[in-house]
C-alpha cells in the first residue's frame, strides 16, 4: 500500500512538472499536448489539484485490490484445485469488512470534499488569513452577452480601498487573428483584459445579458453560470502575478467558442494606478500598464 502510494505520488509530480515549469516562465495558459490541469494560481485550485490526485490514488488502489482478488480467486479456486465447489453461503467477518471498508473510504473522500465544496463559496473555510468582518473584497460584476464579456468595477467602500474611486466599465472581445502579436494566443487574448491586484480577494458577481453563459478560469479553479435575471457569485485570490485565461463554459450560440476571458494579475500599486487612470482614460490606462509590464520583463531578462 505504501509503495503504491509512493508510485502514484511520483506519477502526479511527473504529470504536474510541465505545468510548473511553464508557470515559472510566465506562461499561464494552455499549451499543446497538455495532459493535466493548468498550474494553479489560487489556493482553491491548489486544493482542487491535490484532491484530484488524492482520489486518483484511492481509486487506483481499489482497482488493484479488486483485480488482485479476482486473479487470486481464479487461481486459488479453479476446477482443478477444487473439484468440489464450496457451498459456503455466508461469512460474517467478510460481510462486515465489505460493509465497513467502503464506508471508511467514502468518509476519507467526503471530509476533504466537503471542505473544498464549502471553501469555494466561503473563503474562511480555506484561508486562515480571511476575516469576514475586516477583509475587503474588490467587487466586480461580469455580464456575459453574445459573444463577449462586460466587466464593471464597483466603487463601493471595499473596492475603494484598492484604488477604485470611480466606476470602471470594460468590454472584452477576442483579438482578431490578423492583429495578434507574437506573444499573444489566438482566441484567448482579448482587447481589454480584466485587471486585478495580486493577493487580494476578488468577488465576482456574474449574470447573463441574453442567454446562459458561464464565467470560468481554470487556473483559479472557478466556474459560475451567468444566468439572465439572476446573480451568481464566486471569488478568487490570485497568489502570483501573470496573465490567466478562461472561456465561456456554457454553450451559448454559434460563436460560443469565440468568447475568451483574460485576467491580468498585477501588483497592488500597479492596479491602483491603472484604476485611477481607467476611470477617465481607459485606453491610456492599458497602454501605461503594458509599458510598465514590458519594462519589468526587460529587467527580469537582464537579471538572468
C-alpha atoms as a PDB file:
ATOM      1  CA  UNK A   1       0.000   0.000   0.000  1.00  0.00           C
ATOM      2  CA  UNK A   2       2.775   2.428   0.939  1.00  0.00           C
ATOM      3  CA  UNK A   3       4.720   1.518  -2.210  1.00  0.00           C
ATOM      4  CA  UNK A   4       1.676   2.079  -4.418  1.00  0.00           C
ATOM      5  CA  UNK A   5       1.057   5.460  -2.783  1.00  0.00           C
ATOM      6  CA  UNK A   6       4.659   6.496  -3.490  1.00  0.00           C
ATOM      7  CA  UNK A   7       4.339   5.372  -7.113  1.00  0.00           C
ATOM      8  CA  UNK A   8       1.189   7.410  -7.684  1.00  0.00           C
ATOM      9  CA  UNK A   9       2.690  10.430  -5.927  1.00  0.00           C
ATOM     10  CA  UNK A  10       5.666  10.222  -8.300  1.00  0.00           C
ATOM     11  CA  UNK A  11       3.316   9.983 -11.292  1.00  0.00           C
ATOM     12  CA  UNK A  12       1.404  13.014 -10.039  1.00  0.00           C
ATOM     13  CA  UNK A  13       4.626  15.002  -9.808  1.00  0.00           C
ATOM     14  CA  UNK A  14       5.685  13.973 -13.324  1.00  0.00           C
ATOM     15  CA  UNK A  15       2.301  14.979 -14.735  1.00  0.00           C
ATOM     16  CA  UNK A  16       2.385  18.341 -12.961  1.00  0.00           C
ATOM     17  CA  UNK A  17       6.023  19.157 -13.737  1.00  0.00           C
ATOM     18  CA  UNK A  18       5.461  20.651 -17.240  1.00  0.00           C
ATOM     19  CA  UNK A  19       2.796  22.998 -15.891  1.00  0.00           C
ATOM     20  CA  UNK A  20       5.084  24.028 -13.042  1.00  0.00           C
ATOM     21  CA  UNK A  21       7.936  24.825 -15.428  1.00  0.00           C
ATOM     22  CA  UNK A  22       5.634  26.862 -17.644  1.00  0.00           C
ATOM     23  CA  UNK A  23       4.319  28.750 -14.637  1.00  0.00           C
ATOM     24  CA  UNK A  24       7.874  29.649 -13.683  1.00  0.00           C
ATOM     25  CA  UNK A  25       8.434  31.012 -17.179  1.00  0.00           C
ATOM     26  CA  UNK A  26       5.272  33.131 -17.041  1.00  0.00           C
ATOM     27  CA  UNK A  27       3.162  31.036 -19.431  1.00  0.00           C
ATOM     28  CA  UNK A  28      -0.135  30.630 -17.606  1.00  0.00           C
ATOM     29  CA  UNK A  29      -2.269  29.422 -20.497  1.00  0.00           C
ATOM     30  CA  UNK A  30      -2.858  26.021 -22.077  1.00  0.00           C
ATOM     31  CA  UNK A  31      -0.143  24.502 -24.226  1.00  0.00           C
ATOM     32  CA  UNK A  32      -0.002  21.736 -26.880  1.00  0.00           C
ATOM     33  CA  UNK A  33      -0.353  18.159 -25.638  1.00  0.00           C
ATOM     34  CA  UNK A  34      -1.274  19.319 -22.163  1.00  0.00           C
ATOM     35  CA  UNK A  35      -2.355  16.312 -20.088  1.00  0.00           C
ATOM     36  CA  UNK A  36      -3.085  17.878 -16.717  1.00  0.00           C
ATOM     37  CA  UNK A  37      -4.660  20.955 -15.172  1.00  0.00           C
ATOM     38  CA  UNK A  38      -3.088  24.346 -15.636  1.00  0.00           C
ATOM     39  CA  UNK A  39      -0.636  25.422 -12.956  1.00  0.00           C
ATOM     40  CA  UNK A  40      -2.783  26.665 -10.047  1.00  0.00           C
ATOM     41  CA  UNK A  41      -2.760  30.378  -9.273  1.00  0.00           C
ATOM     42  CA  UNK A  42      -5.072  30.273  -6.254  1.00  0.00           C
ATOM     43  CA  UNK A  43      -5.241  28.221  -3.080  1.00  0.00           C
ATOM     44  CA  UNK A  44      -8.622  26.889  -4.211  1.00  0.00           C
ATOM     45  CA  UNK A  45      -7.116  25.466  -7.403  1.00  0.00           C
ATOM     46  CA  UNK A  46      -4.186  24.028  -5.449  1.00  0.00           C
ATOM     47  CA  UNK A  47      -6.701  22.203  -3.259  1.00  0.00           C
ATOM     48  CA  UNK A  48      -8.647  21.006  -6.319  1.00  0.00           C
ATOM     49  CA  UNK A  49      -5.449  19.646  -7.881  1.00  0.00           C
ATOM     50  CA  UNK A  50      -4.456  17.910  -4.649  1.00  0.00           C
ATOM     51  CA  UNK A  51      -7.935  16.444  -4.186  1.00  0.00           C
ATOM     52  CA  UNK A  52      -7.962  15.200  -7.778  1.00  0.00           C
ATOM     53  CA  UNK A  53      -4.749  13.223  -7.299  1.00  0.00           C
ATOM     54  CA  UNK A  54      -5.868  12.116  -3.832  1.00  0.00           C
ATOM     55  CA  UNK A  55      -8.976  10.475  -5.308  1.00  0.00           C
ATOM     56  CA  UNK A  56      -6.971   9.019  -8.216  1.00  0.00           C
ATOM     57  CA  UNK A  57      -4.696   7.247  -5.719  1.00  0.00           C
ATOM     58  CA  UNK A  58      -7.683   5.894  -3.771  1.00  0.00           C
ATOM     59  CA  UNK A  59      -9.452   4.693  -6.925  1.00  0.00           C
ATOM     60  CA  UNK A  60      -6.271   3.100  -8.268  1.00  0.00           C
ATOM     61  CA  UNK A  61      -5.711   1.201  -5.027  1.00  0.00           C
ATOM     62  CA  UNK A  62      -9.314  -0.046  -5.152  1.00  0.00           C
ATOM     63  CA  UNK A  63      -8.860  -1.216  -8.752  1.00  0.00           C
ATOM     64  CA  UNK A  64      -5.621  -3.010  -7.849  1.00  0.00           C
ATOM     65  CA  UNK A  65      -7.322  -4.675  -4.878  1.00  0.00           C
ATOM     66  CA  UNK A  66     -10.322  -5.851  -6.909  1.00  0.00           C
ATOM     67  CA  UNK A  67      -8.225  -7.083  -9.848  1.00  0.00           C
ATOM     68  CA  UNK A  68      -5.866  -8.811  -7.424  1.00  0.00           C
ATOM     69  CA  UNK A  69      -8.738 -10.563  -5.654  1.00  0.00           C
ATOM     70  CA  UNK A  70     -10.238 -11.687  -8.955  1.00  0.00           C
ATOM     71  CA  UNK A  71      -6.885 -13.062 -10.132  1.00  0.00           C
ATOM     72  CA  UNK A  72      -6.273 -14.782  -6.784  1.00  0.00           C
ATOM     73  CA  UNK A  73      -9.732 -16.364  -6.774  1.00  0.00           C
ATOM     74  CA  UNK A  74      -9.313 -17.558 -10.375  1.00  0.00           C
ATOM     75  CA  UNK A  75      -6.008 -19.207  -9.454  1.00  0.00           C
ATOM     76  CA  UNK A  76      -6.918 -20.476  -5.995  1.00  0.00           C
ATOM     77  CA  UNK A  77     -10.397 -21.804  -6.658  1.00  0.00           C
ATOM     78  CA  UNK A  78     -10.205 -23.204 -10.173  1.00  0.00           C
ATOM     79  CA  UNK A  79     -11.862 -26.505 -11.041  1.00  0.00           C
ATOM     80  CA  UNK A  80      -8.616 -28.497 -10.933  1.00  0.00           C
ATOM     81  CA  UNK A  81      -7.741 -27.304  -7.416  1.00  0.00           C
ATOM     82  CA  UNK A  82     -11.323 -27.554  -6.174  1.00  0.00           C
ATOM     83  CA  UNK A  83     -13.228 -30.316  -7.955  1.00  0.00           C
ATOM     84  CA  UNK A  84     -15.975 -29.992  -5.349  1.00  0.00           C
ATOM     85  CA  UNK A  85     -17.173 -26.361  -5.285  1.00  0.00           C
ATOM     86  CA  UNK A  86     -17.605 -24.609  -1.962  1.00  0.00           C
ATOM     87  CA  UNK A  87     -21.134 -24.305  -0.627  1.00  0.00           C
ATOM     88  CA  UNK A  88     -20.454 -21.514   1.864  1.00  0.00           C
ATOM     89  CA  UNK A  89     -23.483 -19.192   1.902  1.00  0.00           C
ATOM     90  CA  UNK A  90     -22.250 -16.501   4.277  1.00  0.00           C
ATOM     91  CA  UNK A  91     -19.185 -15.351   6.179  1.00  0.00           C
ATOM     92  CA  UNK A  92     -19.731 -12.819   8.959  1.00  0.00           C
ATOM     93  CA  UNK A  93     -16.191 -11.402   9.013  1.00  0.00           C
ATOM     94  CA  UNK A  94     -16.049 -10.841   5.250  1.00  0.00           C
ATOM     95  CA  UNK A  95     -19.541  -9.327   5.216  1.00  0.00           C
ATOM     96  CA  UNK A  96     -18.578  -6.873   7.956  1.00  0.00           C
ATOM     97  CA  UNK A  97     -15.371  -5.978   6.112  1.00  0.00           C
ATOM     98  CA  UNK A  98     -17.051  -5.297   2.773  1.00  0.00           C
ATOM     99  CA  UNK A  99     -19.545  -3.056   4.550  1.00  0.00           C
ATOM    100  CA  UNK A 100     -17.186  -1.152   6.844  1.00  0.00           C
ATOM    101  CA  UNK A 101     -14.325  -0.702   4.360  1.00  0.00           C
ATOM    102  CA  UNK A 102     -16.407   1.141   1.700  1.00  0.00           C
ATOM    103  CA  UNK A 103     -17.870   3.353   4.431  1.00  0.00           C
ATOM    104  CA  UNK A 104     -14.367   4.285   5.616  1.00  0.00           C
ATOM    105  CA  UNK A 105     -13.304   5.004   2.021  1.00  0.00           C
ATOM    106  CA  UNK A 106     -16.320   7.271   1.497  1.00  0.00           C
ATOM    107  CA  UNK A 107     -15.572   9.110   4.742  1.00  0.00           C
ATOM    108  CA  UNK A 108     -11.945   9.583   3.664  1.00  0.00           C
ATOM    109  CA  UNK A 109     -13.191  11.134   0.415  1.00  0.00           C
ATOM    110  CA  UNK A 110     -16.070  13.107   1.931  1.00  0.00           C
ATOM    111  CA  UNK A 111     -14.101  15.041   4.569  1.00  0.00           C
ATOM    112  CA  UNK A 112     -11.735  16.882   2.159  1.00  0.00           C
ATOM    113  CA  UNK A 113     -14.505  17.028  -0.447  1.00  0.00           C
ATOM    114  CA  UNK A 114     -16.857  18.984   1.829  1.00  0.00           C
ATOM    115  CA  UNK A 115     -14.026  21.282   2.911  1.00  0.00           C
ATOM    116  CA  UNK A 116     -13.387  22.110  -0.739  1.00  0.00           C
ATOM    117  CA  UNK A 117     -17.094  22.424  -1.532  1.00  0.00           C
ATOM    118  CA  UNK A 118     -17.729  24.955   1.220  1.00  0.00           C
ATOM    119  CA  UNK A 119     -14.367  26.672   0.695  1.00  0.00           C
ATOM    120  CA  UNK A 120     -15.254  27.502  -2.911  1.00  0.00           C
ATOM    121  CA  UNK A 121     -18.006  29.782  -1.596  1.00  0.00           C
ATOM    122  CA  UNK A 122     -16.701  30.776   1.829  1.00  0.00           C
ATOM    123  CA  UNK A 123     -13.037  31.912   1.942  1.00  0.00           C
ATOM    124  CA  UNK A 124     -12.864  31.415   5.713  1.00  0.00           C
ATOM    125  CA  UNK A 125     -13.010  27.635   5.141  1.00  0.00           C
ATOM    126  CA  UNK A 126      -9.734  27.626   3.179  1.00  0.00           C
ATOM    127  CA  UNK A 127      -7.916  30.866   4.006  1.00  0.00           C
ATOM    128  CA  UNK A 128      -6.654  31.301   7.546  1.00  0.00           C
ATOM    129  CA  UNK A 129      -5.917  34.993   6.937  1.00  0.00           C
ATOM    130  CA  UNK A 130      -9.514  35.746   5.892  1.00  0.00           C
ATOM    131  CA  UNK A 131     -11.683  37.643   8.354  1.00  0.00           C
ATOM    132  CA  UNK A 132     -15.279  38.175   7.152  1.00  0.00           C
ATOM    133  CA  UNK A 133     -15.535  41.308   9.290  1.00  0.00           C
ATOM    134  CA  UNK A 134     -12.395  43.116   8.133  1.00  0.00           C
ATOM    135  CA  UNK A 135     -11.040  41.564   4.910  1.00  0.00           C
ATOM    136  CA  UNK A 136     -12.019  43.741   1.922  1.00  0.00           C
ATOM    137  CA  UNK A 137     -13.213  42.434  -1.438  1.00  0.00           C
ATOM    138  CA  UNK A 138     -12.632  44.024  -4.813  1.00  0.00           C
ATOM    139  CA  UNK A 139     -16.159  43.798  -6.222  1.00  0.00           C
ATOM    140  CA  UNK A 140     -16.601  43.123  -9.925  1.00  0.00           C
ATOM    141  CA  UNK A 141     -19.727  42.395 -11.936  1.00  0.00           C
ATOM    142  CA  UNK A 142     -19.255  40.292 -15.086  1.00  0.00           C
ATOM    143  CA  UNK A 143     -22.046  40.097 -17.657  1.00  0.00           C
ATOM    144  CA  UNK A 144     -21.916  37.567 -20.473  1.00  0.00           C
ATOM    145  CA  UNK A 145     -23.522  38.566 -23.769  1.00  0.00           C
ATOM    146  CA  UNK A 146     -23.438  37.004 -27.207  1.00  0.00           C
ATOM    147  CA  UNK A 147     -20.451  36.873 -27.636  1.00  0.00           C
ATOM    148  CA  UNK A 148     -18.319  38.957 -25.316  1.00  0.00           C
ATOM    149  CA  UNK A 149     -17.953  39.934 -21.667  1.00  0.00           C
ATOM    150  CA  UNK A 150     -18.776  43.218 -19.942  1.00  0.00           C
ATOM    151  CA  UNK A 151     -16.868  43.898 -16.727  1.00  0.00           C
ATOM    152  CA  UNK A 152     -17.977  46.567 -14.245  1.00  0.00           C
ATOM    153  CA  UNK A 153     -15.822  47.566 -11.275  1.00  0.00           C
ATOM    154  CA  UNK A 154     -17.808  48.866  -8.318  1.00  0.00           C
ATOM    155  CA  UNK A 155     -16.602  51.909  -6.374  1.00  0.00           C
ATOM    156  CA  UNK A 156     -18.055  50.679  -3.087  1.00  0.00           C
ATOM    157  CA  UNK A 157     -16.204  51.136   0.193  1.00  0.00           C
ATOM    158  CA  UNK A 158     -14.270  47.859  -0.097  1.00  0.00           C
ATOM    159  CA  UNK A 159     -13.234  48.430  -3.715  1.00  0.00           C
ATOM    160  CA  UNK A 160     -12.160  51.986  -2.908  1.00  0.00           C
ATOM    161  CA  UNK A 161      -9.524  50.533  -0.587  1.00  0.00           C
ATOM    162  CA  UNK A 162      -7.886  49.041  -3.693  1.00  0.00           C
ATOM    163  CA  UNK A 163      -7.964  52.357  -5.546  1.00  0.00           C
ATOM    164  CA  UNK A 164     -11.290  52.146  -7.411  1.00  0.00           C
ATOM    165  CA  UNK A 165     -12.598  55.631  -6.694  1.00  0.00           C
ATOM    166  CA  UNK A 166     -14.942  55.765  -9.701  1.00  0.00           C
ATOM    167  CA  UNK A 167     -16.899  53.020 -11.507  1.00  0.00           C
ATOM    168  CA  UNK A 168     -14.995  51.387 -14.375  1.00  0.00           C
ATOM    169  CA  UNK A 169     -16.647  49.530 -17.252  1.00  0.00           C
ATOM    170  CA  UNK A 170     -14.872  47.494 -19.915  1.00  0.00           C
ATOM    171  CA  UNK A 171     -15.939  45.198 -22.751  1.00  0.00           C
ATOM    172  CA  UNK A 172     -13.846  42.155 -23.570  1.00  0.00           C
ATOM    173  CA  UNK A 173     -13.557  40.955 -27.189  1.00  0.00           C
ATOM    174  CA  UNK A 174     -11.051  38.465 -28.651  1.00  0.00           C
ATOM    175  CA  UNK A 175      -8.227  39.985 -30.675  1.00  0.00           C
ATOM    176  CA  UNK A 176      -8.719  39.220 -34.411  1.00  0.00           C
ATOM    177  CA  UNK A 177      -6.259  36.728 -35.877  1.00  0.00           C
ATOM    178  CA  UNK A 178      -4.672  39.292 -38.192  1.00  0.00           C
ATOM    179  CA  UNK A 179      -3.931  41.613 -35.248  1.00  0.00           C
ATOM    180  CA  UNK A 180      -2.329  39.109 -32.868  1.00  0.00           C
ATOM    181  CA  UNK A 181       1.135  39.906 -31.563  1.00  0.00           C
ATOM    182  CA  UNK A 182       3.955  37.375 -31.425  1.00  0.00           C
ATOM    183  CA  UNK A 183       3.399  36.619 -27.744  1.00  0.00           C
ATOM    184  CA  UNK A 184      -0.415  36.570 -27.904  1.00  0.00           C
ATOM    185  CA  UNK A 185      -2.612  33.481 -28.045  1.00  0.00           C
ATOM    186  CA  UNK A 186      -5.331  33.027 -30.627  1.00  0.00           C
ATOM    187  CA  UNK A 187      -8.840  33.087 -29.203  1.00  0.00           C
ATOM    188  CA  UNK A 188      -7.531  33.694 -25.681  1.00  0.00           C
ATOM    189  CA  UNK A 189      -6.017  37.183 -25.642  1.00  0.00           C
ATOM    190  CA  UNK A 190      -8.564  39.999 -25.622  1.00  0.00           C
ATOM    191  CA  UNK A 191      -8.536  43.725 -26.319  1.00  0.00           C
ATOM    192  CA  UNK A 192      -9.460  44.853 -22.793  1.00  0.00           C
ATOM    193  CA  UNK A 193      -8.448  42.272 -20.176  1.00  0.00           C
ATOM    194  CA  UNK A 194      -9.794  42.281 -16.649  1.00  0.00           C
ATOM    195  CA  UNK A 195      -7.140  43.735 -14.316  1.00  0.00           C
ATOM    196  CA  UNK A 196      -6.970  42.644 -10.672  1.00  0.00           C
ATOM    197  CA  UNK A 197      -4.407  43.053  -7.876  1.00  0.00           C
ATOM    198  CA  UNK A 198      -2.343  40.161  -6.576  1.00  0.00           C
ATOM    199  CA  UNK A 199      -3.023  38.782  -3.079  1.00  0.00           C
ATOM    200  CA  UNK A 200      -6.459  40.401  -2.974  1.00  0.00           C
ATOM    201  CA  UNK A 201      -9.855  38.767  -2.594  1.00  0.00           C
ATOM    202  CA  UNK A 202     -11.951  39.481  -5.683  1.00  0.00           C
ATOM    203  CA  UNK A 203     -15.706  38.923  -5.537  1.00  0.00           C
ATOM    204  CA  UNK A 204     -17.184  38.199  -8.963  1.00  0.00           C
ATOM    205  CA  UNK A 205     -20.917  38.605  -9.427  1.00  0.00           C
ATOM    206  CA  UNK A 206     -21.958  37.291 -12.812  1.00  0.00           C
ATOM    207  CA  UNK A 207     -25.128  37.300 -14.864  1.00  0.00           C
ATOM    208  CA  UNK A 208     -26.223  36.843 -18.457  1.00  0.00           C
ATOM    209  CA  UNK A 209     -27.441  39.635 -20.679  1.00  0.00           C
ATOM    210  CA  UNK A 210     -29.289  37.420 -23.154  1.00  0.00           C
ATOM    211  CA  UNK A 211     -28.756  33.660 -22.781  1.00  0.00           C
ATOM    212  CA  UNK A 212     -26.950  31.480 -20.238  1.00  0.00           C
ATOM    213  CA  UNK A 213     -23.162  31.806 -20.261  1.00  0.00           C
ATOM    214  CA  UNK A 214     -20.545  30.624 -17.735  1.00  0.00           C
ATOM    215  CA  UNK A 215     -17.579  32.534 -16.284  1.00  0.00           C
ATOM    216  CA  UNK A 216     -14.708  30.056 -15.897  1.00  0.00           C
ATOM    217  CA  UNK A 217     -10.964  30.439 -15.291  1.00  0.00           C
ATOM    218  CA  UNK A 218      -9.211  27.046 -14.893  1.00  0.00           C
ATOM    219  CA  UNK A 219      -6.039  28.340 -13.196  1.00  0.00           C
ATOM    220  CA  UNK A 220      -8.205  29.947 -10.497  1.00  0.00           C
ATOM    221  CA  UNK A 221     -10.440  26.906 -10.033  1.00  0.00           C
ATOM    222  CA  UNK A 222     -13.634  28.899 -10.557  1.00  0.00           C
ATOM    223  CA  UNK A 223     -16.738  28.458 -12.712  1.00  0.00           C
ATOM    224  CA  UNK A 224     -20.045  30.260 -12.243  1.00  0.00           C
ATOM    225  CA  UNK A 225     -23.086  30.192 -14.511  1.00  0.00           C
ATOM    226  CA  UNK A 226     -24.099  33.575 -15.923  1.00  0.00           C
ATOM    227  CA  UNK A 227     -27.887  33.319 -15.960  1.00  0.00           C
ATOM    228  CA  UNK A 228     -30.174  36.124 -17.226  1.00  0.00           C
ATOM    229  CA  UNK A 229     -32.221  37.624 -14.403  1.00  0.00           C
ATOM    230  CA  UNK A 230     -30.059  36.054 -11.723  1.00  0.00           C
ATOM    231  CA  UNK A 231     -26.790  36.972  -9.981  1.00  0.00           C
ATOM    232  CA  UNK A 232     -24.370  34.150  -9.188  1.00  0.00           C
ATOM    233  CA  UNK A 233     -21.308  34.802  -7.082  1.00  0.00           C
ATOM    234  CA  UNK A 234     -17.815  33.377  -6.808  1.00  0.00           C
ATOM    235  CA  UNK A 235     -14.462  34.659  -5.616  1.00  0.00           C
ATOM    236  CA  UNK A 236     -10.741  34.182  -6.118  1.00  0.00           C
ATOM    237  CA  UNK A 237      -7.452  35.344  -4.648  1.00  0.00           C
ATOM    238  CA  UNK A 238      -4.613  35.213  -7.174  1.00  0.00           C
ATOM    239  CA  UNK A 239      -1.368  34.437  -5.403  1.00  0.00           C
ATOM    240  CA  UNK A 240       1.026  35.394  -8.183  1.00  0.00           C
ATOM    241  CA  UNK A 241       1.184  37.948 -10.939  1.00  0.00           C
ATOM    242  CA  UNK A 242       0.639  36.876 -14.520  1.00  0.00           C
ATOM    243  CA  UNK A 243      -1.868  36.537 -17.343  1.00  0.00           C
ATOM    244  CA  UNK A 244      -4.578  33.924 -16.942  1.00  0.00           C
ATOM    245  CA  UNK A 245      -7.165  32.758 -19.437  1.00  0.00           C
ATOM    246  CA  UNK A 246     -10.659  31.367 -19.356  1.00  0.00           C
ATOM    247  CA  UNK A 247     -13.602  30.945 -21.681  1.00  0.00           C
ATOM    248  CA  UNK A 248     -17.357  30.809 -21.652  1.00  0.00           C
ATOM    249  CA  UNK A 249     -18.148  27.296 -20.441  1.00  0.00           C
ATOM    250  CA  UNK A 250     -21.835  27.087 -21.331  1.00  0.00           C
ATOM    251  CA  UNK A 251     -22.999  26.568 -24.913  1.00  0.00           C
ATOM    252  CA  UNK A 252     -24.487  29.949 -25.827  1.00  0.00           C
ATOM    253  CA  UNK A 253     -24.831  30.071 -29.601  1.00  0.00           C
ATOM    254  CA  UNK A 254     -22.847  29.960 -32.819  1.00  0.00           C
ATOM    255  CA  UNK A 255     -19.866  31.975 -31.506  1.00  0.00           C
ATOM    256  CA  UNK A 256     -19.673  30.267 -28.121  1.00  0.00           C
ATOM    257  CA  UNK A 257     -16.145  29.094 -28.966  1.00  0.00           C
ATOM    258  CA  UNK A 258     -15.032  32.701 -29.520  1.00  0.00           C
ATOM    259  CA  UNK A 259     -15.789  34.113 -26.096  1.00  0.00           C
ATOM    260  CA  UNK A 260     -12.485  34.109 -24.187  1.00  0.00           C
ATOM    261  CA  UNK A 261     -11.638  35.635 -20.835  1.00  0.00           C
ATOM    262  CA  UNK A 262      -8.313  37.222 -19.968  1.00  0.00           C
ATOM    263  CA  UNK A 263      -7.371  38.278 -16.450  1.00  0.00           C
ATOM    264  CA  UNK A 264      -4.126  40.110 -15.743  1.00  0.00           C
ATOM    265  CA  UNK A 265      -2.913  39.942 -12.159  1.00  0.00           C
ATOM    266  CA  UNK A 266      -0.635  42.855 -11.282  1.00  0.00           C
ATOM    267  CA  UNK A 267       0.872  44.333  -8.146  1.00  0.00           C
ATOM    268  CA  UNK A 268      -1.463  46.314  -5.923  1.00  0.00           C
ATOM    269  CA  UNK A 269       0.382  49.557  -6.705  1.00  0.00           C
ATOM    270  CA  UNK A 270       0.000  48.996 -10.447  1.00  0.00           C
ATOM    271  CA  UNK A 271      -3.651  48.139 -10.060  1.00  0.00           C
ATOM    272  CA  UNK A 272      -4.210  51.309  -8.091  1.00  0.00           C
ATOM    273  CA  UNK A 273      -2.521  53.365 -10.820  1.00  0.00           C
ATOM    274  CA  UNK A 274      -4.474  51.554 -13.549  1.00  0.00           C
ATOM    275  CA  UNK A 275      -7.817  52.045 -11.772  1.00  0.00           C
ATOM    276  CA  UNK A 276      -7.171  55.735 -11.223  1.00  0.00           C
ATOM    277  CA  UNK A 277      -6.440  56.318 -14.919  1.00  0.00           C
ATOM    278  CA  UNK A 278      -9.051  53.877 -16.268  1.00  0.00           C
ATOM    279  CA  UNK A 279     -11.893  55.891 -14.747  1.00  0.00           C
ATOM    280  CA  UNK A 280     -11.220  58.709 -17.240  1.00  0.00           C
ATOM    281  CA  UNK A 281      -8.894  57.256 -19.900  1.00  0.00           C
ATOM    282  CA  UNK A 282      -9.303  53.505 -20.361  1.00  0.00           C
ATOM    283  CA  UNK A 283      -7.081  53.118 -23.478  1.00  0.00           C
ATOM    284  CA  UNK A 284      -4.364  55.196 -21.818  1.00  0.00           C
ATOM    285  CA  UNK A 285      -4.578  53.065 -18.668  1.00  0.00           C
ATOM    286  CA  UNK A 286      -3.997  49.882 -20.670  1.00  0.00           C
ATOM    287  CA  UNK A 287      -1.114  51.449 -22.604  1.00  0.00           C
ATOM    288  CA  UNK A 288       0.569  52.617 -19.407  1.00  0.00           C
ATOM    289  CA  UNK A 289       0.154  49.199 -17.813  1.00  0.00           C
ATOM    290  CA  UNK A 290       1.519  47.430 -20.911  1.00  0.00           C
ATOM    291  CA  UNK A 291       4.563  49.715 -20.971  1.00  0.00           C
ATOM    292  CA  UNK A 292       5.165  49.033 -17.295  1.00  0.00           C
ATOM    293  CA  UNK A 293       4.925  45.274 -17.882  1.00  0.00           C
ATOM    294  CA  UNK A 294       7.437  45.458 -20.753  1.00  0.00           C
ATOM    295  CA  UNK A 295       9.866  47.371 -18.554  1.00  0.00           C
ATOM    296  CA  UNK A 296       9.606  44.681 -15.886  1.00  0.00           C
ATOM    297  CA  UNK A 297      10.088  41.918 -18.469  1.00  0.00           C
ATOM    298  CA  UNK A 298      13.271  43.530 -19.777  1.00  0.00           C
ATOM    299  CA  UNK A 299      14.582  43.971 -16.243  1.00  0.00           C
ATOM    300  CA  UNK A 300      13.887  40.304 -15.478  1.00  0.00           C
ATOM    301  CA  UNK A 301      15.675  39.141 -18.638  1.00  0.00           C
ATOM    302  CA  UNK A 302      18.650  41.387 -17.848  1.00  0.00           C
ATOM    303  CA  UNK A 303      18.836  39.992 -14.312  1.00  0.00           C
ATOM    304  CA  UNK A 304      19.075  36.459 -15.693  1.00  0.00           C
END
